[in-house]
Amino acid sequence: MMPGHIHDLDNGVNVDEGLGDGLVVTSPSVALPWRPRAGQFVGTAITWHDQLFEVLSVERGDGGERWRLAPWPEGEAARNIDRLDPERIESLIGEAAVLKNSRGIRFVLVLVSPLAGLMPGSVQQRWERDHNVPGARATILSAVVELSLGTWWIVHPGPVLLRFFGLMLFAEAMVRLWFALNQSEPMGSFLTAPLLWVTPSETRVPDEKVTRMEVMQWARGEPEMALAMSDPREDWQIDGVIRFRGSLYRLIEKELGGGRVVYHFEAVPPDTPVTLSLAPPPRLERRRDRGRGFLADSGRFILLSFAPRRFQEQLAPDLNLAVRTLTWISAGVELFGGTVNLMGAAPRDAFVGLDLLFVIEGAFRLIKAAVTGLPVGSVLGLPFINIYERWVRSDGK
């Protein structure tokens, strides 16, 4: 190398070869996604003119960034390698523009979360992946709005159709709230269900092999954490960002040891886009002839919520629900709906007896589920025994 020679990589990025065998890289406006050496963890590996360098340190100020690089240490494996050339700088500028646009989209989606949470679950998951918008939180906010509107229309006098629509909103809001709180995943509303018909129908088929995870190092507020996996996560790439216990972390190193893979992470700013998922990547297949869609799953959920206990225990996992969730939701709807109807019913109303049944059974089911921790069926599910048995046989194939 030529001592003291400075290379201009355009966009203000300069490389100074004047420090012995090392380099000094200055960048007044382009953010370089490198990681300096931290304790036992080596810094990012950088290729420059067919030579490999390690990022040692960085200084940030009003004039931008100043990085110091040294020749790569002998015997050290380079896992995270970046390039230093004009083409790479141009790509970083393009990525920064995409990130800025993503932040703008995120700001708007967070602002309208009560409406965005009504969108189909797949759309909310894509927003969470691409723009770091928490889908489950948006679902909860929108469900609270639904719950409020539904209750208002049920309690206050008005047209029968409006009260019926209010009851539908209330019931759906209960389902969506429990799903988002139990599964920490978004769930759409029937109000936006037609949007699902314009996209290809796919189903997730989980892998049979289960990967076990152990938290090796983590403390709230600490800059580093480590997770150990019984099997390697091929979808986890270096510099990918993951959400863990409410904070964001970037993967900086993988290492093998003790028959497992240990992944080391460092904390990153909360507006960093999430690119990795804790859940194992599902295998996507086109729906088989007996595959179910959103509306079919919704119908199955409604019927199953009144099923005898043994059918709830057998079929609830197929809907990715905690077994007790079915009892809590359906019993709550029974109790609330029956109470509201009795409050506005005339003494000789033909449906007073049915409303009394809803109130008594709903209260009994809620109390028993709370005491025993087990699901409780309803007499309303008895006419559908044959349907439940058919579902058990078909899901067992």
Protein backbone atom coordinates (compact mmCIF):
# COMPACT_ATOMS: atom_id res chain seq x y z
CA MET A 1 0.00 0.00 0.00
CA MET A 2 1.08 3.58 -0.58
CA PRO A 3 1.66 5.40 2.78
CA GLY A 4 -0.55 8.41 3.25
CA HIS A 5 -2.58 7.68 0.12
CA ILE A 6 -6.27 8.68 0.42
CA HIS A 7 -8.93 7.02 -1.72
CA ASP A 8 -12.18 8.82 -2.49
CA LEU A 9 -15.11 6.36 -2.68
CA ASP A 10 -17.63 9.12 -3.56
CA ASN A 11 -20.45 10.37 -1.36
CA GLY A 12 -17.87 11.80 1.04
CA VAL A 13 -16.40 8.43 2.09
CA ASN A 14 -12.58 8.42 2.18
CA VAL A 15 -10.05 5.69 2.98
CA ASP A 16 -6.68 6.77 4.40
CA GLU A 17 -3.88 4.21 4.12
CA GLY A 18 -1.43 6.31 6.11
CA LEU A 19 -1.40 4.44 9.44
CA GLY A 20 1.14 1.64 8.95
CA ASP A 21 -0.72 -1.49 7.92
CA GLY A 22 -4.08 -0.11 9.06
CA LEU A 23 -6.78 2.05 7.53
CA VAL A 24 -8.82 5.05 8.61
CA VAL A 25 -12.23 5.37 7.00
CA THR A 26 -14.14 8.67 7.32
CA SER A 27 -17.78 9.03 6.37
CA PRO A 28 -19.52 12.38 7.02
CA SER A 29 -23.03 11.32 5.95
CA VAL A 30 -23.20 7.60 5.06
CA ALA A 31 -23.80 5.35 8.10
CA LEU A 32 -21.53 2.31 7.83
CA PRO A 33 -23.13 -0.84 9.34
CA TRP A 34 -19.96 -2.12 10.95
CA ARG A 35 -19.31 -3.40 14.46
CA PRO A 36 -16.01 -2.60 16.23
CA ARG A 37 -14.15 -5.11 18.36
CA ALA A 38 -15.82 -5.64 21.74
CA GLY A 39 -13.89 -7.67 24.27
CA GLN A 40 -13.47 -11.23 22.99
CA PHE A 41 -15.68 -10.59 19.98
CA VAL A 42 -13.82 -9.54 16.86
CA GLY A 43 -15.07 -6.63 14.81
CA THR A 44 -16.62 -6.79 11.36
CA ALA A 45 -14.32 -8.17 8.66
CA ILE A 46 -13.78 -5.75 5.76
CA THR A 47 -12.30 -6.56 2.35
CA TRP A 48 -10.22 -3.78 0.80
CA HIS A 49 -8.13 -4.36 -2.32
CA ASP A 50 -8.19 -8.14 -1.80
CA GLN A 51 -7.00 -7.77 1.81
CA LEU A 52 -8.96 -8.52 4.94
CA PHE A 53 -9.20 -5.99 7.77
CA GLU A 54 -10.88 -5.91 11.18
CA VAL A 55 -12.87 -2.95 12.48
CA LEU A 56 -11.18 -1.92 15.74
CA SER A 57 -13.00 1.25 16.82
CA VAL A 58 -15.29 4.07 15.74
CA GLU A 59 -15.60 7.73 16.68
CA ARG A 60 -18.82 9.59 15.96
CA GLY A 61 -19.24 13.35 16.03
CA ASP A 62 -20.64 16.31 14.17
CA GLY A 63 -18.32 15.54 11.28
CA GLY A 64 -19.70 12.03 10.85
CA GLU A 65 -17.96 8.72 11.53
CA ARG A 66 -14.25 7.87 11.77
CA TRP A 67 -13.44 4.15 11.70
CA ARG A 68 -10.06 2.59 12.47
CA LEU A 69 -9.22 -0.76 10.82
CA ALA A 70 -6.31 -3.15 11.26
CA PRO A 71 -5.17 -6.27 9.36
CA TRP A 72 -7.29 -9.29 10.22
CA PRO A 73 -5.74 -11.34 13.07
CA GLU A 74 -4.18 -14.61 11.99
CA GLY A 75 -6.01 -17.78 13.00
CA GLU A 76 -9.31 -15.95 13.56
CA ALA A 77 -12.29 -17.14 11.50
CA ALA A 78 -14.06 -14.36 9.59
CA ARG A 79 -17.82 -14.91 9.73
CA ASN A 80 -19.21 -11.45 9.02
CA ILE A 81 -17.51 -9.98 5.95
CA ASP A 82 -18.36 -6.65 4.33
CA ARG A 83 -16.91 -4.86 1.30
CA LEU A 84 -15.38 -1.41 1.09
CA ASP A 85 -15.77 -0.04 -2.44
CA PRO A 86 -17.88 2.57 -4.30
CA GLU A 87 -20.54 0.02 -5.24
CA ARG A 88 -21.02 -0.98 -1.59
CA ILE A 89 -21.31 2.68 -0.53
CA GLU A 90 -24.00 3.25 -3.19
CA SER A 91 -25.92 0.21 -1.95
CA LEU A 92 -25.77 1.54 1.63
CA ILE A 93 -27.22 4.85 0.49
CA GLY A 94 -30.04 2.97 -1.23
CA GLU A 95 -30.68 0.89 1.90
CA ALA A 96 -30.76 4.06 4.01
CA ALA A 97 -33.39 5.54 1.68
CA VAL A 98 -35.49 2.38 1.99
CA LEU A 99 -35.13 2.48 5.78
CA LYS A 100 -36.18 6.14 5.88
CA ASN A 101 -39.24 5.32 3.81
CA SER A 102 -40.00 2.36 6.08
CA ARG A 103 -39.81 4.61 9.13
CA GLY A 104 -42.32 6.97 7.52
CA ILE A 105 -44.68 4.09 6.83
CA ARG A 106 -44.21 2.83 10.39
CA PHE A 107 -45.10 6.26 11.81
CA VAL A 108 -48.37 6.34 9.83
CA LEU A 109 -49.29 2.73 10.72
CA VAL A 110 -48.62 3.31 14.43
CA LEU A 111 -50.72 6.48 14.25
CA VAL A 112 -53.69 4.58 12.80
CA SER A 113 -53.17 1.37 14.81
CA PRO A 114 -56.86 1.06 15.80
CA LEU A 115 -57.70 0.85 12.08
CA ALA A 116 -54.57 -1.02 10.94
CA GLY A 117 -55.33 -3.73 13.51
CA LEU A 118 -58.51 -4.60 11.62
CA MET A 119 -56.54 -5.74 8.56
CA PRO A 120 -56.04 -9.48 7.91
CA GLY A 121 -53.46 -11.12 10.16
CA SER A 122 -51.14 -11.89 7.23
CA VAL A 123 -51.06 -8.21 6.27
CA GLN A 124 -50.26 -7.17 9.85
CA GLN A 125 -47.48 -9.78 10.01
CA ARG A 126 -45.98 -8.37 6.82
CA TRP A 127 -46.08 -4.85 8.28
CA GLU A 128 -44.36 -6.12 11.41
CA ARG A 129 -41.64 -7.82 9.37
CA ASP A 130 -41.08 -4.96 6.91
CA HIS A 131 -41.74 -1.88 9.06
CA ASN A 132 -41.41 -3.07 12.69
CA VAL A 133 -45.07 -2.35 13.52
CA PRO A 134 -46.17 -4.63 16.42
CA GLY A 135 -49.09 -6.55 14.91
CA ALA A 136 -50.45 -7.99 18.16
CA ARG A 137 -50.54 -4.53 19.73
CA ALA A 138 -52.47 -3.13 16.76
CA THR A 139 -54.94 -6.04 17.02
CA ILE A 140 -55.49 -5.32 20.73
CA LEU A 141 -56.10 -1.59 20.12
CA SER A 142 -58.57 -2.26 17.32
CA ALA A 143 -60.34 -4.93 19.38
CA VAL A 144 -60.77 -2.46 22.27
CA VAL A 145 -62.41 -0.01 19.86
CA GLU A 146 -64.66 -2.81 18.54
CA LEU A 147 -65.55 -3.81 22.08
CA SER A 148 -66.52 -0.24 22.98
CA LEU A 149 -68.64 0.30 19.86
CA GLY A 150 -70.30 -3.10 20.17
CA THR A 151 -71.21 -2.51 23.81
CA TRP A 152 -72.62 0.94 23.02
CA TRP A 153 -74.86 -0.36 20.22
CA ILE A 154 -76.04 -3.31 22.32
CA VAL A 155 -76.93 -1.34 25.45
CA HIS A 156 -78.48 1.76 23.86
CA PRO A 157 -81.89 1.52 22.15
CA GLY A 158 -81.75 1.45 18.39
CA PRO A 159 -82.64 -0.55 15.29
CA VAL A 160 -82.55 -4.33 15.68
CA LEU A 161 -79.97 -4.69 12.91
CA LEU A 162 -77.67 -2.20 14.62
CA ARG A 163 -77.93 -4.08 17.94
CA PHE A 164 -77.22 -7.36 16.12
CA PHE A 165 -74.18 -5.79 14.44
CA GLY A 166 -73.05 -4.53 17.85
CA LEU A 167 -73.31 -8.06 19.26
CA MET A 168 -71.18 -9.36 16.36
CA LEU A 169 -68.55 -6.68 17.03
CA PHE A 170 -68.52 -7.49 20.73
CA ALA A 171 -68.13 -11.24 20.16
CA GLU A 172 -65.40 -10.77 17.57
CA ALA A 173 -63.55 -8.27 19.77
CA MET A 174 -63.49 -10.84 22.61
CA VAL A 175 -62.05 -13.48 20.27
CA ARG A 176 -59.42 -11.14 18.85
CA LEU A 177 -58.40 -9.85 22.27
CA TRP A 178 -57.86 -13.33 23.67
CA PHE A 179 -56.02 -14.47 20.56
CA ALA A 180 -53.63 -11.50 20.54
CA LEU A 181 -53.00 -11.72 24.30
CA ASN A 182 -52.53 -15.52 24.34
CA GLN A 183 -50.63 -16.00 21.09
CA SER A 184 -48.88 -12.59 20.82
CA GLU A 185 -49.84 -12.59 17.15
CA PRO A 186 -52.15 -10.34 15.12
CA MET A 187 -55.66 -11.39 14.07
CA GLY A 188 -57.78 -9.59 11.50
CA SER A 189 -61.46 -8.68 11.57
CA PHE A 190 -64.37 -10.02 9.56
CA LEU A 191 -64.78 -6.41 8.36
CA THR A 192 -61.66 -6.83 6.19
CA ALA A 193 -62.09 -10.56 5.43
CA PRO A 194 -62.90 -9.91 1.72
CA LEU A 195 -59.28 -8.76 1.27
CA LEU A 196 -58.18 -12.38 1.84
CA TRP A 197 -59.94 -13.47 -1.34
CA VAL A 198 -57.60 -11.45 -3.56
CA THR A 199 -54.45 -13.21 -2.30
CA PRO A 200 -53.34 -16.84 -2.89
CA SER A 201 -54.45 -19.18 -0.13
CA GLU A 202 -51.57 -20.82 1.73
CA THR A 203 -51.35 -22.87 4.88
CA ARG A 204 -48.49 -23.25 7.34
CA VAL A 205 -47.26 -26.76 7.91
CA PRO A 206 -44.92 -26.74 10.94
CA ASP A 207 -41.83 -28.90 10.91
CA GLU A 208 -42.05 -32.05 13.02
CA LYS A 209 -38.63 -31.42 14.55
CA VAL A 210 -38.74 -29.12 17.58
CA THR A 211 -35.82 -26.78 18.22
CA ARG A 212 -35.26 -26.10 21.92
CA MET A 213 -34.02 -22.70 23.06
CA GLU A 214 -32.16 -21.71 26.23
CA VAL A 215 -31.43 -18.15 27.33
CA MET A 216 -27.71 -18.10 28.11
CA GLN A 217 -27.30 -14.39 28.83
CA TRP A 218 -29.96 -11.70 29.16
CA ALA A 219 -30.85 -8.86 31.50
CA ARG A 220 -33.21 -5.98 30.79
CA GLY A 221 -31.26 -2.91 29.72
CA GLU A 222 -27.99 -4.81 29.13
CA PRO A 223 -26.39 -4.34 25.67
CA GLU A 224 -25.70 -8.03 24.99
CA MET A 225 -27.56 -11.33 25.15
CA ALA A 226 -26.99 -14.94 24.07
CA LEU A 227 -29.39 -17.71 23.07
CA ALA A 228 -28.52 -21.40 22.70
CA MET A 229 -30.39 -23.61 20.22
CA SER A 230 -30.45 -27.39 20.11
CA ASP A 231 -30.43 -27.19 16.29
CA PRO A 232 -28.95 -24.49 14.04
CA ARG A 233 -31.29 -21.81 12.72
CA GLU A 234 -30.39 -21.58 9.05
CA ASP A 235 -32.72 -18.58 8.67
CA TRP A 236 -30.72 -16.53 11.22
CA GLN A 237 -28.06 -14.57 9.35
CA ILE A 238 -25.34 -12.38 10.83
CA ASP A 239 -26.53 -8.75 11.29
CA GLY A 240 -30.17 -9.88 11.32
CA VAL A 241 -32.37 -8.16 13.93
CA ILE A 242 -34.70 -10.00 16.30
CA ARG A 243 -37.30 -8.89 18.85
CA PHE A 244 -36.80 -10.56 22.24
CA ARG A 245 -38.75 -9.70 25.40
CA GLY A 246 -39.72 -6.28 24.11
CA SER A 247 -36.24 -5.18 22.91
CA LEU A 248 -34.39 -5.42 19.59
CA TYR A 249 -31.05 -7.19 19.15
CA ARG A 250 -28.68 -7.73 16.22
CA LEU A 251 -27.02 -11.10 15.67
CA ILE A 252 -23.24 -10.62 15.80
CA GLU A 253 -21.79 -14.14 16.14
CA LYS A 254 -22.61 -17.86 16.06
CA GLU A 255 -20.58 -20.54 17.80
CA LEU A 256 -20.81 -24.30 18.24
CA GLY A 257 -20.39 -25.86 21.64
CA GLY A 258 -21.75 -28.72 23.73
CA GLY A 259 -23.86 -30.12 20.91
CA ARG A 260 -25.75 -26.86 20.39
CA VAL A 261 -25.41 -23.51 18.65
CA VAL A 262 -24.97 -20.32 20.69
CA TYR A 263 -26.08 -17.06 19.09
CA HIS A 264 -24.65 -13.78 20.43
CA PHE A 265 -26.63 -10.56 20.03
CA GLU A 266 -26.17 -6.86 20.77
CA ALA A 267 -28.86 -4.27 21.45
CA VAL A 268 -29.88 -1.93 18.64
CA PRO A 269 -32.16 1.17 18.49
CA PRO A 270 -35.92 0.49 18.79
CA ASP A 271 -36.65 1.75 15.27
CA THR A 272 -34.40 -0.86 13.62
CA PRO A 273 -36.37 -3.09 11.20
CA VAL A 274 -36.92 -6.64 12.48
CA THR A 275 -35.61 -9.26 10.04
CA LEU A 276 -35.48 -12.45 12.17
CA SER A 277 -38.18 -14.40 13.97
CA LEU A 278 -37.99 -16.54 17.11
CA ALA A 279 -40.52 -18.96 15.61
CA PRO A 280 -38.99 -21.66 13.36
CA PRO A 281 -39.62 -20.93 9.67
CA PRO A 282 -42.78 -22.72 8.54
CA ARG A 283 -42.92 -24.80 5.43
CA LEU A 284 -45.44 -23.23 3.08
CA GLU A 285 -47.60 -25.48 0.96
CA ARG A 286 -50.60 -24.78 -1.21
CA ARG A 287 -53.83 -25.74 0.46
CA ARG A 288 -54.95 -29.28 0.01
CA ASP A 289 -58.54 -29.98 -0.94
CA ARG A 290 -59.50 -30.24 2.71
CA GLY A 291 -57.49 -27.13 3.71
CA ARG A 292 -59.39 -24.41 5.57
CA GLY A 293 -59.48 -20.67 5.06
CA PHE A 294 -60.18 -17.74 7.36
CA LEU A 295 -63.97 -18.05 7.24
CA ALA A 296 -63.89 -21.84 7.74
CA ASP A 297 -61.58 -21.46 10.76
CA SER A 298 -63.88 -18.77 12.17
CA GLY A 299 -66.90 -21.10 11.85
CA ARG A 300 -64.98 -23.95 13.45
CA PHE A 301 -63.95 -21.68 16.32
CA ILE A 302 -67.55 -20.61 17.01
CA LEU A 303 -68.90 -24.17 17.03
CA LEU A 304 -65.97 -25.58 18.98
CA SER A 305 -66.31 -22.98 21.76
CA PHE A 306 -69.55 -24.73 22.85
CA ALA A 307 -68.25 -28.29 22.40
CA PRO A 308 -67.90 -30.81 25.26
CA ARG A 309 -64.59 -30.67 27.07
CA ARG A 310 -62.95 -33.67 25.33
CA PHE A 311 -63.49 -32.15 21.88
CA GLN A 312 -62.13 -28.76 22.97
CA GLU A 313 -58.98 -30.44 24.28
CA GLN A 314 -58.51 -32.43 21.07
CA LEU A 315 -59.28 -29.71 18.53
CA ALA A 316 -58.18 -26.41 20.14
CA PRO A 317 -54.47 -26.93 19.29
CA ASP A 318 -55.44 -27.15 15.61
CA LEU A 319 -56.55 -23.49 15.87
CA ASN A 320 -53.36 -22.49 17.74
CA LEU A 321 -55.40 -21.60 20.82
CA ALA A 322 -55.00 -22.31 24.51
CA VAL A 323 -57.77 -24.79 25.43
CA ARG A 324 -59.31 -22.58 28.12
CA THR A 325 -59.61 -19.70 25.65
CA LEU A 326 -62.61 -21.36 24.00
CA THR A 327 -64.50 -21.59 27.30
CA TRP A 328 -63.64 -18.08 28.47
CA ILE A 329 -64.78 -16.45 25.22
CA SER A 330 -68.00 -18.39 24.63
CA ALA A 331 -69.07 -18.31 28.29
CA GLY A 332 -68.34 -14.59 28.46
CA VAL A 333 -70.47 -13.97 25.37
CA GLU A 334 -73.28 -16.10 26.86
CA LEU A 335 -73.25 -14.21 30.15
CA PHE A 336 -72.97 -10.75 28.61
CA GLY A 337 -75.50 -11.32 25.83
CA GLY A 338 -78.06 -12.92 28.14
CA THR A 339 -77.71 -10.14 30.72
CA VAL A 340 -78.12 -7.37 28.13
CA ASN A 341 -81.20 -9.05 26.65
CA LEU A 342 -82.81 -9.56 30.08
CA MET A 343 -82.27 -5.89 30.96
CA GLY A 344 -84.30 -4.81 27.96
CA ALA A 345 -86.80 -7.69 27.77
CA ALA A 346 -90.52 -7.41 28.47
CA PRO A 347 -91.89 -9.69 31.25
CA ARG A 348 -93.64 -11.96 28.75
CA ASP A 349 -90.90 -11.99 26.14
CA ALA A 350 -90.75 -15.44 24.51
CA PHE A 351 -86.92 -15.46 24.74
CA VAL A 352 -86.63 -14.68 28.46
CA GLY A 353 -86.14 -18.38 29.26
CA LEU A 354 -83.37 -18.70 26.70
CA ASP A 355 -81.67 -15.57 28.03
CA LEU A 356 -81.85 -16.99 31.57
CA LEU A 357 -80.19 -20.19 30.29
CA PHE A 358 -77.37 -18.12 28.73
CA VAL A 359 -76.80 -16.17 31.97
CA ILE A 360 -76.85 -19.21 34.28
CA GLU A 361 -74.77 -21.45 32.04
CA GLY A 362 -72.30 -18.69 31.15
CA ALA A 363 -71.71 -17.85 34.80
CA PHE A 364 -71.35 -21.54 35.73
CA ARG A 365 -68.85 -22.20 32.94
CA LEU A 366 -66.74 -19.15 33.80
CA ILE A 367 -66.61 -20.04 37.50
CA LYS A 368 -65.80 -23.71 36.88
CA ALA A 369 -63.10 -22.86 34.33
CA ALA A 370 -61.54 -20.37 36.77
CA VAL A 371 -61.57 -22.86 39.65
CA THR A 372 -60.44 -26.00 37.82
CA GLY A 373 -58.35 -24.46 35.06
CA LEU A 374 -60.04 -26.81 32.57
CA PRO A 375 -62.35 -26.15 29.61
CA VAL A 376 -66.10 -26.49 30.18
CA GLY A 377 -68.57 -27.45 27.47
CA SER A 378 -72.07 -26.12 26.83
CA VAL A 379 -75.44 -27.77 26.27
CA LEU A 380 -75.57 -25.73 23.05
CA GLY A 381 -72.84 -27.95 21.64
CA LEU A 382 -74.72 -31.24 22.07
CA PRO A 383 -76.54 -31.04 18.69
CA PHE A 384 -73.15 -30.81 16.95
CA ILE A 385 -71.53 -33.96 18.41
CA ASN A 386 -71.42 -35.66 15.00
CA ILE A 387 -69.62 -32.65 13.51
CA TYR A 388 -67.01 -32.64 16.30
CA GLU A 389 -66.39 -36.38 15.83
CA ARG A 390 -65.92 -35.88 12.10
CA TRP A 391 -63.42 -33.11 12.73
CA VAL A 392 -61.43 -35.36 15.09
CA ARG A 393 -61.33 -38.16 12.50
CA SER A 394 -60.34 -35.86 9.63
CA ASP A 395 -57.60 -34.09 11.62
CA GLY A 396 -56.15 -37.41 12.67
CA LYS A 397 -55.52 -38.47 9.09
